[in-house]
Amino acid sequence: MITRSAIFEGRITPGCEEAFFAAVRDRLAPLWAQFPDASNIRWQRIAARDEDAPPIVMLQQVDYPSLAALEAALASPIRARARAVTMEILEMFEGRFYHLVSAGNGMESAA
C-alpha cells in the first residue's frame, strides 16, 4: 500500500476556519473519492500540537494499492478538477501545502 499525504502548514485566515473545513468536506473530499484506485480517503483537522511543532492545520491522506496506481491517479483528469478546487480553497489559507508519499508497514493489533 502507498499513502499520499498532503500537509497544510500555516494558518487558516482568521474567521474562515469553518468555511475552510466545510469546503474540504463538501467540495474536495468528493473529488478525492473519484481518483482511480483511491481508498481510505481521510483528512484530519489538527486539534493540538507540540509547542515546538510546525503550524500544521490539516493532514489529508489517500491510500493506493501501488506506486503505479498513484501515478495513474495523478495523471487522471480528475486531478485537474481537484487541483482547481484546492486553489480556490487555499484563498482562505496562509502558508504552504506539500505532499509526501509513504509505503505502508503497519502492525496488526494483538487484541
PDB file of N, CA and C in Angstrom:
ATOM      1  N   MET A   1       0.836  -1.176   0.000  1.00  0.00           N
ATOM      2  CA  MET A   1       0.000   0.000   0.000  1.00  0.00           C
ATOM      3  C   MET A   1       0.886   1.246   0.000  1.00  0.00           C
ATOM      4  N   ILE A   2       0.426   2.248  -0.733  1.00  0.00           N
ATOM      5  CA  ILE A   2       1.097   3.543  -0.815  1.00  0.00           C
ATOM      6  C   ILE A   2       0.128   4.590  -0.272  1.00  0.00           C
ATOM      7  N   THR A   3       0.631   5.517   0.518  1.00  0.00           N
ATOM      8  CA  THR A   3      -0.196   6.611   1.024  1.00  0.00           C
ATOM      9  C   THR A   3       0.391   7.931   0.557  1.00  0.00           C
ATOM     10  N   ARG A   4      -0.453   8.747  -0.051  1.00  0.00           N
ATOM     11  CA  ARG A   4      -0.050  10.107  -0.424  1.00  0.00           C
ATOM     12  C   ARG A   4      -0.673  11.040   0.599  1.00  0.00           C
ATOM     13  N   SER A   5       0.178  11.803   1.273  1.00  0.00           N
ATOM     14  CA  SER A   5      -0.262  12.721   2.321  1.00  0.00           C
ATOM     15  C   SER A   5      -0.043  14.153   1.878  1.00  0.00           C
ATOM     16  N   ALA A   6      -1.011  14.989   2.136  1.00  0.00           N
ATOM     17  CA  ALA A   6      -0.869  16.431   1.926  1.00  0.00           C
ATOM     18  C   ALA A   6      -0.783  17.084   3.299  1.00  0.00           C
ATOM     19  N   ILE A   7       0.216  17.931   3.468  1.00  0.00           N
ATOM     20  CA  ILE A   7       0.438  18.637   4.718  1.00  0.00           C
ATOM     21  C   ILE A   7       0.104  20.112   4.479  1.00  0.00           C
ATOM     22  N   PHE A   8      -0.815  20.639   5.252  1.00  0.00           N
ATOM     23  CA  PHE A   8      -1.185  22.052   5.148  1.00  0.00           C
ATOM     24  C   PHE A   8      -0.529  22.777   6.320  1.00  0.00           C
ATOM     25  N   GLU A   9       0.566  23.459   6.029  1.00  0.00           N
ATOM     26  CA  GLU A   9       1.367  24.124   7.050  1.00  0.00           C
ATOM     27  C   GLU A   9       1.163  25.630   6.947  1.00  0.00           C
ATOM     28  N   GLY A  10       0.717  26.226   8.022  1.00  0.00           N
ATOM     29  CA  GLY A  10       0.457  27.658   8.033  1.00  0.00           C
ATOM     30  C   GLY A  10      -0.726  27.943   8.928  1.00  0.00           C
ATOM     31  N   ARG A  11      -1.642  28.780   8.438  1.00  0.00           N
ATOM     32  CA  ARG A  11      -2.843  29.061   9.214  1.00  0.00           C
ATOM     33  C   ARG A  11      -3.992  29.382   8.275  1.00  0.00           C
ATOM     34  N   ILE A  12      -5.166  29.068   8.741  1.00  0.00           N
ATOM     35  CA  ILE A  12      -6.373  29.435   8.010  1.00  0.00           C
ATOM     36  C   ILE A  12      -6.640  30.902   8.324  1.00  0.00           C
ATOM     37  N   THR A  13      -7.020  31.654   7.321  1.00  0.00           N
ATOM     38  CA  THR A  13      -7.327  33.062   7.523  1.00  0.00           C
ATOM     39  C   THR A  13      -8.325  33.190   8.673  1.00  0.00           C
ATOM     40  N   PRO A  14      -8.015  34.024   9.672  1.00  0.00           N
ATOM     41  CA  PRO A  14      -8.918  34.155  10.818  1.00  0.00           C
ATOM     42  C   PRO A  14     -10.354  34.444  10.377  1.00  0.00           C
ATOM     43  N   GLY A  15     -11.279  33.711  10.988  1.00  0.00           N
ATOM     44  CA  GLY A  15     -12.691  33.842  10.662  1.00  0.00           C
ATOM     45  C   GLY A  15     -13.154  32.916   9.553  1.00  0.00           C
ATOM     46  N   CYS A  16     -12.214  32.241   8.893  1.00  0.00           N
ATOM     47  CA  CYS A  16     -12.556  31.356   7.769  1.00  0.00           C
ATOM     48  C   CYS A  16     -12.441  29.877   8.114  1.00  0.00           C
ATOM     49  N   GLU A  17     -12.175  29.554   9.371  1.00  0.00           N
ATOM     50  CA  GLU A  17     -11.910  28.163   9.739  1.00  0.00           C
ATOM     51  C   GLU A  17     -13.053  27.223   9.359  1.00  0.00           C
ATOM     52  N   GLU A  18     -14.266  27.560   9.746  1.00  0.00           N
ATOM     53  CA  GLU A  18     -15.393  26.662   9.460  1.00  0.00           C
ATOM     54  C   GLU A  18     -15.664  26.577   7.963  1.00  0.00           C
ATOM     55  N   ALA A  19     -15.560  27.690   7.261  1.00  0.00           N
ATOM     56  CA  ALA A  19     -15.771  27.686   5.807  1.00  0.00           C
ATOM     57  C   ALA A  19     -14.701  26.851   5.112  1.00  0.00           C
ATOM     58  N   PHE A  20     -13.466  26.931   5.587  1.00  0.00           N
ATOM     59  CA  PHE A  20     -12.368  26.151   5.009  1.00  0.00           C
ATOM     60  C   PHE A  20     -12.666  24.658   5.122  1.00  0.00           C
ATOM     61  N   PHE A  21     -12.971  24.202   6.332  1.00  0.00           N
ATOM     62  CA  PHE A  21     -13.192  22.770   6.528  1.00  0.00           C
ATOM     63  C   PHE A  21     -14.495  22.292   5.888  1.00  0.00           C
ATOM     64  N   ALA A  22     -15.492  23.153   5.812  1.00  0.00           N
ATOM     65  CA  ALA A  22     -16.723  22.795   5.097  1.00  0.00           C
ATOM     66  C   ALA A  22     -16.438  22.621   3.608  1.00  0.00           C
ATOM     67  N   ALA A  23     -15.599  23.476   3.043  1.00  0.00           N
ATOM     68  CA  ALA A  23     -15.244  23.358   1.624  1.00  0.00           C
ATOM     69  C   ALA A  23     -14.442  22.088   1.369  1.00  0.00           C
ATOM     70  N   VAL A  24     -13.548  21.744   2.286  1.00  0.00           N
ATOM     71  CA  VAL A  24     -12.803  20.487   2.148  1.00  0.00           C
ATOM     72  C   VAL A  24     -13.785  19.319   2.143  1.00  0.00           C
ATOM     73  N   ARG A  25     -14.690  19.303   3.107  1.00  0.00           N
ATOM     74  CA  ARG A  25     -15.662  18.201   3.232  1.00  0.00           C
ATOM     75  C   ARG A  25     -16.615  18.132   2.037  1.00  0.00           C
ATOM     76  N   ASP A  26     -17.156  19.278   1.643  1.00  0.00           N
ATOM     77  CA  ASP A  26     -18.227  19.292   0.651  1.00  0.00           C
ATOM     78  C   ASP A  26     -17.744  19.362  -0.791  1.00  0.00           C
ATOM     79  N   ARG A  27     -16.588  19.949  -1.019  1.00  0.00           N
ATOM     80  CA  ARG A  27     -16.124  20.159  -2.391  1.00  0.00           C
ATOM     81  C   ARG A  27     -14.928  19.290  -2.759  1.00  0.00           C
ATOM     82  N   LEU A  28     -13.966  19.153  -1.853  1.00  0.00           N
ATOM     83  CA  LEU A  28     -12.756  18.396  -2.191  1.00  0.00           C
ATOM     84  C   LEU A  28     -12.889  16.900  -1.949  1.00  0.00           C
ATOM     85  N   ALA A  29     -13.405  16.518  -0.801  1.00  0.00           N
ATOM     86  CA  ALA A  29     -13.490  15.088  -0.484  1.00  0.00           C
ATOM     87  C   ALA A  29     -14.227  14.291  -1.558  1.00  0.00           C
ATOM     88  N   PRO A  30     -15.339  14.785  -2.109  1.00  0.00           N
ATOM     89  CA  PRO A  30     -15.990  14.025  -3.183  1.00  0.00           C
ATOM     90  C   PRO A  30     -15.101  13.859  -4.424  1.00  0.00           C
ATOM     91  N   LEU A  31     -14.263  14.842  -4.696  1.00  0.00           N
ATOM     92  CA  LEU A  31     -13.338  14.715  -5.831  1.00  0.00           C
ATOM     93  C   LEU A  31     -12.235  13.717  -5.512  1.00  0.00           C
ATOM     94  N   TRP A  32     -11.696  13.765  -4.293  1.00  0.00           N
ATOM     95  CA  TRP A  32     -10.666  12.800  -3.906  1.00  0.00           C
ATOM     96  C   TRP A  32     -11.181  11.375  -4.070  1.00  0.00           C
ATOM     97  N   ALA A  33     -12.444  11.161  -3.763  1.00  0.00           N
ATOM     98  CA  ALA A  33     -13.035   9.819  -3.871  1.00  0.00           C
ATOM     99  C   ALA A  33     -13.137   9.339  -5.313  1.00  0.00           C
ATOM    100  N   GLN A  34     -13.051  10.255  -6.273  1.00  0.00           N
ATOM    101  CA  GLN A  34     -13.143   9.890  -7.688  1.00  0.00           C
ATOM    102  C   GLN A  34     -11.791   9.541  -8.310  1.00  0.00           C
ATOM    103  N   PHE A  35     -10.695   9.733  -7.591  1.00  0.00           N
ATOM    104  CA  PHE A  35      -9.392   9.363  -8.144  1.00  0.00           C
ATOM    105  C   PHE A  35      -9.367   7.850  -8.363  1.00  0.00           C
ATOM    106  N   PRO A  36      -8.885   7.402  -9.509  1.00  0.00           N
ATOM    107  CA  PRO A  36      -8.829   5.957  -9.765  1.00  0.00           C
ATOM    108  C   PRO A  36      -8.021   5.228  -8.687  1.00  0.00           C
ATOM    109  N   ASP A  37      -8.549   4.133  -8.200  1.00  0.00           N
ATOM    110  CA  ASP A  37      -7.902   3.256  -7.217  1.00  0.00           C
ATOM    111  C   ASP A  37      -7.680   3.887  -5.851  1.00  0.00           C
ATOM    112  N   ALA A  38      -8.233   5.059  -5.598  1.00  0.00           N
ATOM    113  CA  ALA A  38      -8.085   5.690  -4.284  1.00  0.00           C
ATOM    114  C   ALA A  38      -8.926   4.945  -3.251  1.00  0.00           C
ATOM    115  N   SER A  39      -8.378   4.788  -2.059  1.00  0.00           N
ATOM    116  CA  SER A  39      -9.129   4.173  -0.962  1.00  0.00           C
ATOM    117  C   SER A  39      -8.725   4.842   0.352  1.00  0.00           C
ATOM    118  N   ASN A  40      -9.520   4.616   1.360  1.00  0.00           N
ATOM    119  CA  ASN A  40      -9.224   5.154   2.694  1.00  0.00           C
ATOM    120  C   ASN A  40      -8.877   6.639   2.643  1.00  0.00           C
ATOM    121  N   ILE A  41      -9.781   7.411   2.103  1.00  0.00           N
ATOM    122  CA  ILE A  41      -9.590   8.853   1.976  1.00  0.00           C
ATOM    123  C   ILE A  41      -9.912   9.486   3.319  1.00  0.00           C
ATOM    124  N   ARG A  42      -8.972  10.251   3.831  1.00  0.00           N
ATOM    125  CA  ARG A  42      -9.186  10.854   5.142  1.00  0.00           C
ATOM    126  C   ARG A  42      -8.488  12.208   5.236  1.00  0.00           C
ATOM    127  N   TRP A  43      -9.031  13.039   6.074  1.00  0.00           N
ATOM    128  CA  TRP A  43      -8.388  14.309   6.382  1.00  0.00           C
ATOM    129  C   TRP A  43      -8.603  14.560   7.862  1.00  0.00           C
ATOM    130  N   GLN A  44      -7.617  15.165   8.453  1.00  0.00           N
ATOM    131  CA  GLN A  44      -7.667  15.417   9.886  1.00  0.00           C
ATOM    132  C   GLN A  44      -7.415  16.896  10.147  1.00  0.00           C
ATOM    133  N   ARG A  45      -8.322  17.476  10.884  1.00  0.00           N
ATOM    134  CA  ARG A  45      -8.154  18.847  11.369  1.00  0.00           C
ATOM    135  C   ARG A  45      -7.312  18.741  12.635  1.00  0.00           C
ATOM    136  N   ILE A  46      -6.220  19.445  12.694  1.00  0.00           N
ATOM    137  CA  ILE A  46      -5.314  19.330  13.833  1.00  0.00           C
ATOM    138  C   ILE A  46      -5.948  19.992  15.059  1.00  0.00           C
ATOM    139  N   ALA A  47      -6.064  19.218  16.132  1.00  0.00           N
ATOM    140  CA  ALA A  47      -6.697  19.696  17.358  1.00  0.00           C
ATOM    141  C   ALA A  47      -5.678  20.245  18.352  1.00  0.00           C
ATOM    142  N   ALA A  48      -4.460  19.708  18.326  1.00  0.00           N
ATOM    143  CA  ALA A  48      -3.409  20.141  19.248  1.00  0.00           C
ATOM    144  C   ALA A  48      -2.071  19.722  18.656  1.00  0.00           C
ATOM    145  N   ARG A  49      -1.020  20.389  19.091  1.00  0.00           N
ATOM    146  CA  ARG A  49       0.316  20.037  18.616  1.00  0.00           C
ATOM    147  C   ARG A  49       1.329  20.368  19.696  1.00  0.00           C
ATOM    148  N   ASP A  50       2.512  19.786  19.572  1.00  0.00           N
ATOM    149  CA  ASP A  50       3.592  20.115  20.493  1.00  0.00           C
ATOM    150  C   ASP A  50       3.937  21.593  20.354  1.00  0.00           C
ATOM    151  N   GLU A  51       4.432  22.171  21.416  1.00  0.00           N
ATOM    152  CA  GLU A  51       4.748  23.597  21.426  1.00  0.00           C
ATOM    153  C   GLU A  51       5.719  23.989  20.315  1.00  0.00           C
ATOM    154  N   ASP A  52       6.688  23.137  20.029  1.00  0.00           N
ATOM    155  CA  ASP A  52       7.699  23.474  19.020  1.00  0.00           C
ATOM    156  C   ASP A  52       7.402  22.868  17.643  1.00  0.00           C
ATOM    157  N   ALA A  53       6.211  22.317  17.461  1.00  0.00           N
ATOM    158  CA  ALA A  53       5.837  21.714  16.171  1.00  0.00           C
ATOM    159  C   ALA A  53       5.507  22.805  15.155  1.00  0.00           C
ATOM    160  N   PRO A  54       5.711  22.513  13.862  1.00  0.00           N
ATOM    161  CA  PRO A  54       5.308  23.490  12.849  1.00  0.00           C
ATOM    162  C   PRO A  54       3.793  23.686  12.875  1.00  0.00           C
ATOM    163  N   PRO A  55       3.315  24.824  12.403  1.00  0.00           N
ATOM    164  CA  PRO A  55       1.883  25.124  12.463  1.00  0.00           C
ATOM    165  C   PRO A  55       1.086  24.415  11.372  1.00  0.00           C
ATOM    166  N   ILE A  56       0.911  23.121  11.538  1.00  0.00           N
ATOM    167  CA  ILE A  56       0.148  22.323  10.574  1.00  0.00           C
ATOM    168  C   ILE A  56      -1.320  22.361  10.996  1.00  0.00           C
ATOM    169  N   VAL A  57      -2.203  22.709  10.050  1.00  0.00           N
ATOM    170  CA  VAL A  57      -3.629  22.821  10.382  1.00  0.00           C
ATOM    171  C   VAL A  57      -4.448  21.639   9.877  1.00  0.00           C
ATOM    172  N   MET A  58      -3.926  20.933   8.865  1.00  0.00           N
ATOM    173  CA  MET A  58      -4.681  19.800   8.330  1.00  0.00           C
ATOM    174  C   MET A  58      -3.733  18.817   7.658  1.00  0.00           C
ATOM    175  N   LEU A  59      -4.073  17.546   7.794  1.00  0.00           N
ATOM    176  CA  LEU A  59      -3.417  16.469   7.061  1.00  0.00           C
ATOM    177  C   LEU A  59      -4.478  15.805   6.204  1.00  0.00           C
ATOM    178  N   GLN A  60      -4.121  15.480   4.982  1.00  0.00           N
ATOM    179  CA  GLN A  60      -5.031  14.742   4.101  1.00  0.00           C
ATOM    180  C   GLN A  60      -4.261  13.537   3.590  1.00  0.00           C
ATOM    181  N   GLN A  61      -4.901  12.368   3.588  1.00  0.00           N
ATOM    182  CA  GLN A  61      -4.237  11.149   3.146  1.00  0.00           C
ATOM    183  C   GLN A  61      -5.166  10.322   2.274  1.00  0.00           C
ATOM    184  N   VAL A  62      -4.568   9.729   1.251  1.00  0.00           N
ATOM    185  CA  VAL A  62      -5.292   8.817   0.369  1.00  0.00           C
ATOM    186  C   VAL A  62      -4.388   7.618   0.131  1.00  0.00           C
ATOM    187  N   ASP A  63      -4.941   6.431   0.273  1.00  0.00           N
ATOM    188  CA  ASP A  63      -4.194   5.199   0.032  1.00  0.00           C
ATOM    189  C   ASP A  63      -4.416   4.714  -1.393  1.00  0.00           C
ATOM    190  N   TYR A  64      -3.380   4.099  -1.944  1.00  0.00           N
ATOM    191  CA  TYR A  64      -3.418   3.485  -3.272  1.00  0.00           C
ATOM    192  C   TYR A  64      -2.776   2.109  -3.166  1.00  0.00           C
ATOM    193  N   PRO A  65      -3.170   1.178  -4.021  1.00  0.00           N
ATOM    194  CA  PRO A  65      -2.615  -0.169  -3.923  1.00  0.00           C
ATOM    195  C   PRO A  65      -1.140  -0.260  -4.306  1.00  0.00           C
ATOM    196  N   SER A  66      -0.648   0.700  -5.101  1.00  0.00           N
ATOM    197  CA  SER A  66       0.743   0.642  -5.556  1.00  0.00           C
ATOM    198  C   SER A  66       1.183   2.027  -6.018  1.00  0.00           C
ATOM    199  N   LEU A  67       2.473   2.182  -6.201  1.00  0.00           N
ATOM    200  CA  LEU A  67       3.005   3.438  -6.731  1.00  0.00           C
ATOM    201  C   LEU A  67       2.504   3.668  -8.152  1.00  0.00           C
ATOM    202  N   ALA A  68       2.386   2.605  -8.932  1.00  0.00           N
ATOM    203  CA  ALA A  68       1.860   2.733 -10.299  1.00  0.00           C
ATOM    204  C   ALA A  68       0.416   3.242 -10.276  1.00  0.00           C
ATOM    205  N   ALA A  69      -0.378   2.762  -9.331  1.00  0.00           N
ATOM    206  CA  ALA A  69      -1.763   3.233  -9.215  1.00  0.00           C
ATOM    207  C   ALA A  69      -1.803   4.704  -8.817  1.00  0.00           C
ATOM    208  N   LEU A  70      -0.919   5.112  -7.920  1.00  0.00           N
ATOM    209  CA  LEU A  70      -0.835   6.526  -7.538  1.00  0.00           C
ATOM    210  C   LEU A  70      -0.471   7.382  -8.747  1.00  0.00           C
ATOM    211  N   GLU A  71       0.527   6.955  -9.488  1.00  0.00           N
ATOM    212  CA  GLU A  71       0.953   7.711 -10.671  1.00  0.00           C
ATOM    213  C   GLU A  71      -0.178   7.819 -11.691  1.00  0.00           C
ATOM    214  N   ALA A  72      -0.936   6.748 -11.873  1.00  0.00           N
ATOM    215  CA  ALA A  72      -2.077   6.786 -12.797  1.00  0.00           C
ATOM    216  C   ALA A  72      -3.149   7.750 -12.289  1.00  0.00           C
ATOM    217  N   ALA A  73      -3.388   7.750 -10.990  1.00  0.00           N
ATOM    218  CA  ALA A  73      -4.376   8.667 -10.416  1.00  0.00           C
ATOM    219  C   ALA A  73      -3.954  10.116 -10.620  1.00  0.00           C
ATOM    220  N   LEU A  74      -2.671  10.389 -10.434  1.00  0.00           N
ATOM    221  CA  LEU A  74      -2.177  11.757 -10.603  1.00  0.00           C
ATOM    222  C   LEU A  74      -2.207  12.203 -12.063  1.00  0.00           C
ATOM    223  N   ALA A  75      -2.227  11.254 -12.980  1.00  0.00           N
ATOM    224  CA  ALA A  75      -2.305  11.578 -14.411  1.00  0.00           C
ATOM    225  C   ALA A  75      -3.749  11.629 -14.912  1.00  0.00           C
ATOM    226  N   SER A  76      -4.701  11.318 -14.039  1.00  0.00           N
ATOM    227  CA  SER A  76      -6.103  11.258 -14.461  1.00  0.00           C
ATOM    228  C   SER A  76      -6.713  12.660 -14.552  1.00  0.00           C
ATOM    229  N   PRO A  77      -7.773  12.811 -15.342  1.00  0.00           N
ATOM    230  CA  PRO A  77      -8.423  14.120 -15.496  1.00  0.00           C
ATOM    231  C   PRO A  77      -8.998  14.686 -14.192  1.00  0.00           C
ATOM    232  N   ILE A  78      -9.362  13.833 -13.256  1.00  0.00           N
ATOM    233  CA  ILE A  78      -9.943  14.323 -12.005  1.00  0.00           C
ATOM    234  C   ILE A  78      -8.936  15.149 -11.214  1.00  0.00           C
ATOM    235  N   ARG A  79      -7.650  14.900 -11.405  1.00  0.00           N
ATOM    236  CA  ARG A  79      -6.653  15.662 -10.659  1.00  0.00           C
ATOM    237  C   ARG A  79      -6.742  17.150 -10.981  1.00  0.00           C
ATOM    238  N   ALA A  80      -6.921  17.501 -12.242  1.00  0.00           N
ATOM    239  CA  ALA A  80      -7.010  18.920 -12.612  1.00  0.00           C
ATOM    240  C   ALA A  80      -8.220  19.571 -11.944  1.00  0.00           C
ATOM    241  N   ARG A  81      -9.322  18.852 -11.868  1.00  0.00           N
ATOM    242  CA  ARG A  81     -10.515  19.393 -11.205  1.00  0.00           C
ATOM    243  C   ARG A  81     -10.268  19.585  -9.712  1.00  0.00           C
ATOM    244  N   ALA A  82      -9.655  18.587  -9.086  1.00  0.00           N
ATOM    245  CA  ALA A  82      -9.362  18.688  -7.656  1.00  0.00           C
ATOM    246  C   ALA A  82      -8.358  19.806  -7.387  1.00  0.00           C
ATOM    247  N   ARG A  83      -7.397  19.940  -8.253  1.00  0.00           N
ATOM    248  CA  ARG A  83      -6.383  20.996  -8.090  1.00  0.00           C
ATOM    249  C   ARG A  83      -7.028  22.382  -8.186  1.00  0.00           C
ATOM    250  N   ALA A  84      -7.946  22.563  -9.123  1.00  0.00           N
ATOM    251  CA  ALA A  84      -8.621  23.856  -9.273  1.00  0.00           C
ATOM    252  C   ALA A  84      -9.418  24.205  -8.012  1.00  0.00           C
ATOM    253  N   VAL A  85     -10.128  23.233  -7.462  1.00  0.00           N
ATOM    254  CA  VAL A  85     -10.894  23.474  -6.233  1.00  0.00           C
ATOM    255  C   VAL A  85      -9.941  23.741  -5.071  1.00  0.00           C
ATOM    256  N   THR A  86      -8.848  22.992  -5.006  1.00  0.00           N
ATOM    257  CA  THR A  86      -7.851  23.221  -3.959  1.00  0.00           C
ATOM    258  C   THR A  86      -7.356  24.660  -3.998  1.00  0.00           C
ATOM    259  N   MET A  87      -7.044  25.155  -5.187  1.00  0.00           N
ATOM    260  CA  MET A  87      -6.531  26.517  -5.305  1.00  0.00           C
ATOM    261  C   MET A  87      -7.567  27.544  -4.842  1.00  0.00           C
ATOM    262  N   GLU A  88      -8.837  27.288  -5.099  1.00  0.00           N
ATOM    263  CA  GLU A  88      -9.891  28.189  -4.606  1.00  0.00           C
ATOM    264  C   GLU A  88      -9.949  28.175  -3.077  1.00  0.00           C
ATOM    265  N   ILE A  89      -9.903  26.981  -2.509  1.00  0.00           N
ATOM    266  CA  ILE A  89      -9.976  26.850  -1.054  1.00  0.00           C
ATOM    267  C   ILE A  89      -8.749  27.475  -0.395  1.00  0.00           C
ATOM    268  N   LEU A  90      -7.612  27.398  -1.057  1.00  0.00           N
ATOM    269  CA  LEU A  90      -6.389  27.965  -0.484  1.00  0.00           C
ATOM    270  C   LEU A  90      -6.436  29.482  -0.367  1.00  0.00           C
ATOM    271  N   GLU A  91      -7.425  30.117  -0.963  1.00  0.00           N
ATOM    272  CA  GLU A  91      -7.591  31.560  -0.763  1.00  0.00           C
ATOM    273  C   GLU A  91      -7.930  31.869   0.693  1.00  0.00           C
ATOM    274  N   MET A  92      -8.374  30.859   1.440  1.00  0.00           N
ATOM    275  CA  MET A  92      -8.668  31.013   2.874  1.00  0.00           C
ATOM    276  C   MET A  92      -7.511  30.533   3.740  1.00  0.00           C
ATOM    277  N   PHE A  93      -6.367  30.271   3.145  1.00  0.00           N
ATOM    278  CA  PHE A  93      -5.238  29.662   3.844  1.00  0.00           C
ATOM    279  C   PHE A  93      -3.986  30.486   3.597  1.00  0.00           C
ATOM    280  N   GLU A  94      -3.226  30.701   4.645  1.00  0.00           N
ATOM    281  CA  GLU A  94      -1.962  31.427   4.555  1.00  0.00           C
ATOM    282  C   GLU A  94      -0.848  30.459   4.925  1.00  0.00           C
ATOM    283  N   GLY A  95      -0.058  30.063   3.955  1.00  0.00           N
ATOM    284  CA  GLY A  95       1.016  29.119   4.216  1.00  0.00           C
ATOM    285  C   GLY A  95       1.323  28.315   2.978  1.00  0.00           C
ATOM    286  N   ARG A  96       1.700  27.083   3.190  1.00  0.00           N
ATOM    287  CA  ARG A  96       2.045  26.210   2.069  1.00  0.00           C
ATOM    288  C   ARG A  96       1.449  24.835   2.315  1.00  0.00           C
ATOM    289  N   PHE A  97       1.301  24.110   1.210  1.00  0.00           N
ATOM    290  CA  PHE A  97       0.953  22.702   1.362  1.00  0.00           C
ATOM    291  C   PHE A  97       1.861  21.908   0.454  1.00  0.00           C
ATOM    292  N   TYR A  98       2.166  20.714   0.888  1.00  0.00           N
ATOM    293  CA  TYR A  98       3.085  19.858   0.146  1.00  0.00           C
ATOM    294  C   TYR A  98       2.681  18.412   0.382  1.00  0.00           C
ATOM    295  N   HIS A  99       3.269  17.530  -0.418  1.00  0.00           N
ATOM    296  CA  HIS A  99       2.892  16.118  -0.373  1.00  0.00           C
ATOM    297  C   HIS A  99       4.076  15.238   0.011  1.00  0.00           C
ATOM    298  N   LEU A 100       3.758  14.150   0.662  1.00  0.00           N
ATOM    299  CA  LEU A 100       4.700  13.083   0.982  1.00  0.00           C
ATOM    300  C   LEU A 100       4.067  11.778   0.529  1.00  0.00           C
ATOM    301  N   VAL A 101       4.881  10.866   0.047  1.00  0.00           N
ATOM    302  CA  VAL A 101       4.399   9.539  -0.342  1.00  0.00           C
ATOM    303  C   VAL A 101       5.124   8.526   0.527  1.00  0.00           C
ATOM    304  N   SER A 102       4.354   7.653   1.162  1.00  0.00           N
ATOM    305  CA  SER A 102       4.941   6.651   2.046  1.00  0.00           C
ATOM    306  C   SER A 102       4.434   5.266   1.678  1.00  0.00           C
ATOM    307  N   ALA A 103       5.247   4.281   2.014  1.00  0.00           N
ATOM    308  CA  ALA A 103       4.872   2.883   1.818  1.00  0.00           C
ATOM    309  C   ALA A 103       4.419   2.341   3.165  1.00  0.00           C
ATOM    310  N   GLY A 104       3.281   1.657   3.190  1.00  0.00           N
ATOM    311  CA  GLY A 104       2.709   1.182   4.446  1.00  0.00           C
ATOM    312  C   GLY A 104       3.424  -0.018   5.018  1.00  0.00           C
ATOM    313  N   ASN A 105       3.683   0.049   6.289  1.00  0.00           N
ATOM    314  CA  ASN A 105       4.232  -1.051   7.069  1.00  0.00           C
ATOM    315  C   ASN A 105       3.561  -1.010   8.427  1.00  0.00           C
ATOM    316  N   GLY A 106       2.349  -1.516   8.513  1.00  0.00           N
ATOM    317  CA  GLY A 106       1.606  -1.453   9.764  1.00  0.00           C
ATOM    318  C   GLY A 106       1.736  -2.721  10.574  1.00  0.00           C
ATOM    319  N   MET A 107       1.344  -2.625  11.822  1.00  0.00           N
ATOM    320  CA  MET A 107       1.307  -3.786  12.708  1.00  0.00           C
ATOM    321  C   MET A 107      -0.144  -4.120  12.993  1.00  0.00           C
ATOM    322  N   GLU A 108      -0.449  -5.374  13.003  1.00  0.00           N
ATOM    323  CA  GLU A 108      -1.782  -5.825  13.381  1.00  0.00           C
ATOM    324  C   GLU A 108      -1.924  -5.691  14.895  1.00  0.00           C
ATOM    325  N   SER A 109      -3.090  -5.327  15.342  1.00  0.00           N
ATOM    326  CA  SER A 109      -3.355  -5.249  16.772  1.00  0.00           C
ATOM    327  C   SER A 109      -3.424  -6.661  17.342  1.00  0.00           C
ATOM    328  N   ALA A 110      -2.850  -6.843  18.497  1.00  0.00           N
ATOM    329  CA  ALA A 110      -2.859  -8.160  19.149  1.00  0.00           C
ATOM    330  C   ALA A 110      -3.995  -8.224  20.164  1.00  0.00           C
ATOM    331  N   ALA A 111      -5.180  -7.881  19.740  1.00  0.00           N
ATOM    332  CA  ALA A 111      -6.328  -7.830  20.667  1.00  0.00           C
ATOM    333  C   ALA A 111      -6.829  -9.190  21.040  1.00  0.00           C
TER     334      ALA A 111
END
